[in-house]
C-alpha atoms as a PDB file:
ATOM      1  CA  UNK A   1     -17.817  -1.275   0.325  1.00  0.00           C
ATOM      2  CA  UNK A   2     -14.729  -1.085  -1.743  1.00  0.00           C
ATOM      3  CA  UNK A   3     -11.350  -2.798  -1.304  1.00  0.00           C
ATOM      4  CA  UNK A   4      -7.860  -1.717  -2.284  1.00  0.00           C
ATOM      5  CA  UNK A   5      -4.360  -2.908  -2.117  1.00  0.00           C
ATOM      6  CA  UNK A   6      -1.484  -1.289  -0.145  1.00  0.00           C
ATOM      7  CA  UNK A   7       2.165  -2.320   0.287  1.00  0.00           C
ATOM      8  CA  UNK A   8       4.580  -0.853   2.815  1.00  0.00           C
ATOM      9  CA  UNK A   9       7.939  -0.736   1.098  1.00  0.00           C
ATOM     10  CA  UNK A  10      11.223  -2.021   2.607  1.00  0.00           C
ATOM     11  CA  UNK A  11      12.270   1.391   3.955  1.00  0.00           C
ATOM     12  CA  UNK A  12       8.987   1.734   5.826  1.00  0.00           C
ATOM     13  CA  UNK A  13       9.800  -1.559   7.519  1.00  0.00           C
ATOM     14  CA  UNK A  14      13.415  -0.703   8.133  1.00  0.00           C
ATOM     15  CA  UNK A  15      12.502   2.665   9.668  1.00  0.00           C
ATOM     16  CA  UNK A  16      10.029   1.144  12.006  1.00  0.00           C
ATOM     17  CA  UNK A  17       6.954   2.898  10.539  1.00  0.00           C
ATOM     18  CA  UNK A  18       4.604  -0.072  10.199  1.00  0.00           C
ATOM     19  CA  UNK A  19       2.620   0.724  13.290  1.00  0.00           C
ATOM     20  CA  UNK A  20       2.405   4.506  12.525  1.00  0.00           C
ATOM     21  CA  UNK A  21       1.191   3.860   9.011  1.00  0.00           C
ATOM     22  CA  UNK A  22      -1.342   1.200   9.955  1.00  0.00           C
ATOM     23  CA  UNK A  23      -2.615   3.515  12.740  1.00  0.00           C
ATOM     24  CA  UNK A  24      -3.399   6.225  10.139  1.00  0.00           C
ATOM     25  CA  UNK A  25      -5.693   3.961   8.234  1.00  0.00           C
ATOM     26  CA  UNK A  26      -7.335   2.424  11.271  1.00  0.00           C
ATOM     27  CA  UNK A  27      -8.022   5.781  12.796  1.00  0.00           C
ATOM     28  CA  UNK A  28      -9.947   6.735   9.601  1.00  0.00           C
ATOM     29  CA  UNK A  29     -12.171   3.744  10.011  1.00  0.00           C
ATOM     30  CA  UNK A  30     -10.547   1.729   7.254  1.00  0.00           C
ATOM     31  CA  UNK A  31     -10.822  -1.994   7.919  1.00  0.00           C
ATOM     32  CA  UNK A  32      -7.815  -4.244   7.302  1.00  0.00           C
ATOM     33  CA  UNK A  33      -9.102  -7.535   5.813  1.00  0.00           C
ATOM     34  CA  UNK A  34      -5.772  -8.963   4.714  1.00  0.00           C
ATOM     35  CA  UNK A  35      -2.258  -8.532   6.053  1.00  0.00           C
ATOM     36  CA  UNK A  36       1.062 -10.199   5.165  1.00  0.00           C
ATOM     37  CA  UNK A  37       4.618  -9.722   6.189  1.00  0.00           C
ATOM     38  CA  UNK A  38       6.922 -11.113   3.492  1.00  0.00           C
ATOM     39  CA  UNK A  39       9.967 -10.812   1.212  1.00  0.00           C
ATOM     40  CA  UNK A  40       8.793 -10.070  -2.303  1.00  0.00           C
ATOM     41  CA  UNK A  41       9.940 -12.487  -5.062  1.00  0.00           C
ATOM     42  CA  UNK A  42      11.247 -11.275  -8.402  1.00  0.00           C
ATOM     43  CA  UNK A  43       8.050 -12.603  -9.966  1.00  0.00           C
ATOM     44  CA  UNK A  44       5.859 -10.706  -7.501  1.00  0.00           C
ATOM     45  CA  UNK A  45       7.805  -7.440  -8.112  1.00  0.00           C
ATOM     46  CA  UNK A  46       7.592  -7.844 -11.874  1.00  0.00           C
ATOM     47  CA  UNK A  47       3.895  -8.507 -11.766  1.00  0.00           C
ATOM     48  CA  UNK A  48       3.256  -5.541  -9.383  1.00  0.00           C
ATOM     49  CA  UNK A  49       5.147  -3.065 -11.356  1.00  0.00           C
ATOM     50  CA  UNK A  50       4.379  -4.461 -14.810  1.00  0.00           C
ATOM     51  CA  UNK A  51       2.734  -1.221 -15.975  1.00  0.00           C
ATOM     52  CA  UNK A  52       6.113   0.543 -15.440  1.00  0.00           C
ATOM     53  CA  UNK A  53       8.189  -2.019 -17.392  1.00  0.00           C
ATOM     54  CA  UNK A  54      10.540  -0.235 -19.726  1.00  0.00           C
ATOM     55  CA  UNK A  55      10.520   3.051 -17.810  1.00  0.00           C
ATOM     56  CA  UNK A  56      13.909   4.318 -16.541  1.00  0.00           C
ATOM     57  CA  UNK A  57      13.106   3.730 -12.883  1.00  0.00           C
ATOM     58  CA  UNK A  58      11.719   0.142 -13.301  1.00  0.00           C
ATOM     59  CA  UNK A  59      14.889  -1.862 -12.515  1.00  0.00           C
ATOM     60  CA  UNK A  60      15.784   0.317  -9.559  1.00  0.00           C
ATOM     61  CA  UNK A  61      12.231  -0.030  -8.121  1.00  0.00           C
ATOM     62  CA  UNK A  62      12.156  -3.862  -8.567  1.00  0.00           C
ATOM     63  CA  UNK A  63      15.592  -4.205  -6.905  1.00  0.00           C
ATOM     64  CA  UNK A  64      14.530  -1.869  -4.059  1.00  0.00           C
ATOM     65  CA  UNK A  65      11.330  -3.804  -3.407  1.00  0.00           C
ATOM     66  CA  UNK A  66      13.320  -6.995  -2.992  1.00  0.00           C
ATOM     67  CA  UNK A  67      15.875  -5.397  -0.702  1.00  0.00           C
ATOM     68  CA  UNK A  68      13.995  -6.177   2.479  1.00  0.00           C
ATOM     69  CA  UNK A  69      10.635  -7.352   3.845  1.00  0.00           C
ATOM     70  CA  UNK A  70       7.347  -5.554   3.013  1.00  0.00           C
ATOM     71  CA  UNK A  71       3.929  -5.481   4.501  1.00  0.00           C
ATOM     72  CA  UNK A  72       1.131  -6.263   1.916  1.00  0.00           C
ATOM     73  CA  UNK A  73      -2.485  -5.487   2.825  1.00  0.00           C
ATOM     74  CA  UNK A  74      -5.967  -5.297   1.629  1.00  0.00           C
ATOM     75  CA  UNK A  75      -8.276  -2.765   3.185  1.00  0.00           C
ATOM     76  CA  UNK A  76     -11.906  -1.982   2.940  1.00  0.00           C
ATOM     77  CA  UNK A  77     -14.226   1.011   3.358  1.00  0.00           C
ATOM     78  CA  UNK A  78     -16.566   3.203   1.285  1.00  0.00           C
ATOM     79  CA  UNK A  79     -14.546   5.058  -1.424  1.00  0.00           C
ATOM     80  CA  UNK A  80     -11.402   3.472   0.067  1.00  0.00           C
ATOM     81  CA  UNK A  81      -9.196   3.876  -3.042  1.00  0.00           C
ATOM     82  CA  UNK A  82      -9.704   7.617  -3.021  1.00  0.00           C
ATOM     83  CA  UNK A  83      -9.420   7.834   0.749  1.00  0.00           C
ATOM     84  CA  UNK A  84      -6.230   5.783   0.918  1.00  0.00           C
ATOM     85  CA  UNK A  85      -4.524   7.804  -1.827  1.00  0.00           C
ATOM     86  CA  UNK A  86      -5.466  10.992   0.020  1.00  0.00           C
ATOM     87  CA  UNK A  87      -3.861   9.614   3.305  1.00  0.00           C
ATOM     88  CA  UNK A  88      -0.738   8.407   1.381  1.00  0.00           C
ATOM     89  CA  UNK A  89      -0.114  11.637  -0.502  1.00  0.00           C
ATOM     90  CA  UNK A  90       1.488  12.450  -3.843  1.00  0.00           C
ATOM     91  CA  UNK A  91       4.194  10.044  -5.256  1.00  0.00           C
ATOM     92  CA  UNK A  92       6.773  12.786  -5.075  1.00  0.00           C
ATOM     93  CA  UNK A  93       7.321  13.540  -1.357  1.00  0.00           C
ATOM     94  CA  UNK A  94       8.176  17.095  -2.213  1.00  0.00           C
ATOM     95  CA  UNK A  95       4.660  17.506  -3.727  1.00  0.00           C
ATOM     96  CA  UNK A  96       2.893  15.518  -1.074  1.00  0.00           C
ATOM     97  CA  UNK A  97       0.684  17.583   1.374  1.00  0.00           C
ATOM     98  CA  UNK A  98       1.828  17.949   4.941  1.00  0.00           C
ATOM     99  CA  UNK A  99       0.102  15.462   7.114  1.00  0.00           C
ATOM    100  CA  UNK A 100       0.191  12.647   4.544  1.00  0.00           C
ATOM    101  CA  UNK A 101       2.364   9.596   4.907  1.00  0.00           C
ATOM    102  CA  UNK A 102       4.693  10.583   2.114  1.00  0.00           C
ATOM    103  CA  UNK A 103       4.560  14.294   3.068  1.00  0.00           C
ATOM    104  CA  UNK A 104       5.806  13.495   6.580  1.00  0.00           C
ATOM    105  CA  UNK A 105       8.084  10.447   6.178  1.00  0.00           C
ATOM    106  CA  UNK A 106       9.217   9.934   2.530  1.00  0.00           C
ATOM    107  CA  UNK A 107      12.475  11.103   1.020  1.00  0.00           C
ATOM    108  CA  UNK A 108      12.468  10.156  -2.676  1.00  0.00           C
ATOM    109  CA  UNK A 109      10.037   9.205  -5.369  1.00  0.00           C
ATOM    110  CA  UNK A 110      11.247   5.647  -5.777  1.00  0.00           C
ATOM    111  CA  UNK A 111      11.671   5.022  -2.047  1.00  0.00           C
ATOM    112  CA  UNK A 112       8.448   6.736  -1.006  1.00  0.00           C
ATOM    113  CA  UNK A 113       7.545   4.231   1.772  1.00  0.00           C
ATOM    114  CA  UNK A 114       4.215   2.975   0.344  1.00  0.00           C
ATOM    115  CA  UNK A 115       2.339   1.828  -2.673  1.00  0.00           C
ATOM    116  CA  UNK A 116      -1.493   2.181  -2.962  1.00  0.00           C
ATOM    117  CA  UNK A 117      -3.641   1.051  -5.870  1.00  0.00           C
ATOM    118  CA  UNK A 118      -5.043   3.854  -8.003  1.00  0.00           C
ATOM    119  CA  UNK A 119      -8.159   2.177  -9.445  1.00  0.00           C
ATOM    120  CA  UNK A 120     -10.530  -0.680  -8.828  1.00  0.00           C
ATOM    121  CA  UNK A 121      -8.956  -2.615 -11.734  1.00  0.00           C
ATOM    122  CA  UNK A 122      -5.431  -2.152 -10.440  1.00  0.00           C
ATOM    123  CA  UNK A 123      -6.512  -2.988  -6.905  1.00  0.00           C
ATOM    124  CA  UNK A 124      -7.970  -6.369  -8.051  1.00  0.00           C
ATOM    125  CA  UNK A 125      -4.898  -7.149 -10.094  1.00  0.00           C
ATOM    126  CA  UNK A 126      -2.450  -6.238  -7.384  1.00  0.00           C
ATOM    127  CA  UNK A 127      -4.340  -8.020  -4.540  1.00  0.00           C
ATOM    128  CA  UNK A 128      -4.325 -11.193  -6.610  1.00  0.00           C
ATOM    129  CA  UNK A 129      -0.477 -11.230  -6.727  1.00  0.00           C
ATOM    130  CA  UNK A 130      -0.341 -11.541  -2.865  1.00  0.00           C
ATOM    131  CA  UNK A 131      -3.761 -12.718  -1.610  1.00  0.00           C
ATOM    132  CA  UNK A 132      -6.215 -15.496  -2.477  1.00  0.00           C
ATOM    133  CA  UNK A 133      -9.891 -14.916  -1.627  1.00  0.00           C
ATOM    134  CA  UNK A 134      -9.414 -17.358   1.340  1.00  0.00           C
ATOM    135  CA  UNK A 135      -6.750 -14.982   2.775  1.00  0.00           C
ATOM    136  CA  UNK A 136      -9.225 -12.143   3.292  1.00  0.00           C
ATOM    137  CA  UNK A 137     -11.149 -11.984   6.535  1.00  0.00           C
ATOM    138  CA  UNK A 138     -14.789 -10.814   6.785  1.00  0.00           C
ATOM    139  CA  UNK A 139     -15.691  -9.117  10.051  1.00  0.00           C
ATOM    140  CA  UNK A 140     -17.432  -5.981  11.402  1.00  0.00           C
ATOM    141  CA  UNK A 141     -15.863  -3.041  12.872  1.00  0.00           C
ATOM    142  CA  UNK A 142     -17.698  -1.219  15.661  1.00  0.00           C
ATOM    143  CA  UNK A 143     -17.248   2.005  13.663  1.00  0.00           C
ATOM    144  CA  UNK A 144     -19.284   0.567  10.745  1.00  0.00           C
ATOM    145  CA  UNK A 145     -22.377   1.552  12.567  1.00  0.00           C
ATOM    146  CA  UNK A 146     -21.301   5.096  12.278  1.00  0.00           C
ATOM    147  CA  UNK A 147     -20.547   5.290   8.571  1.00  0.00           C
END
């Protein structure tokens, strides 16, 4: 099993898309092991987007992420990083495939509704910003017998 980090951005929350987005992961058999509804702090934003510091969009992204509540989550499944990124779609909504979250709902690159880790290393780093090991729940999904 592999774990990854996902965050639903403030516009996903404001547009009432939390349930729709969570449903897409659950329907694929992806298990949610950590879930938090929160307002990100400046420190959390800076840590999350540290790899982008100095890029032209960095300040806009940090300010946007603090503009409203977000949903942070850790999910688990075999090859989950690759699977989640496929469900989420390309960063640019105009390049995201139809049927993906960004392809159906996102409007701009910066405000593209959702962030998903792109590697095991980034997933571990990003999870640690929002979750301690004690925050993550171990349980079995009925579907696990089928994978």
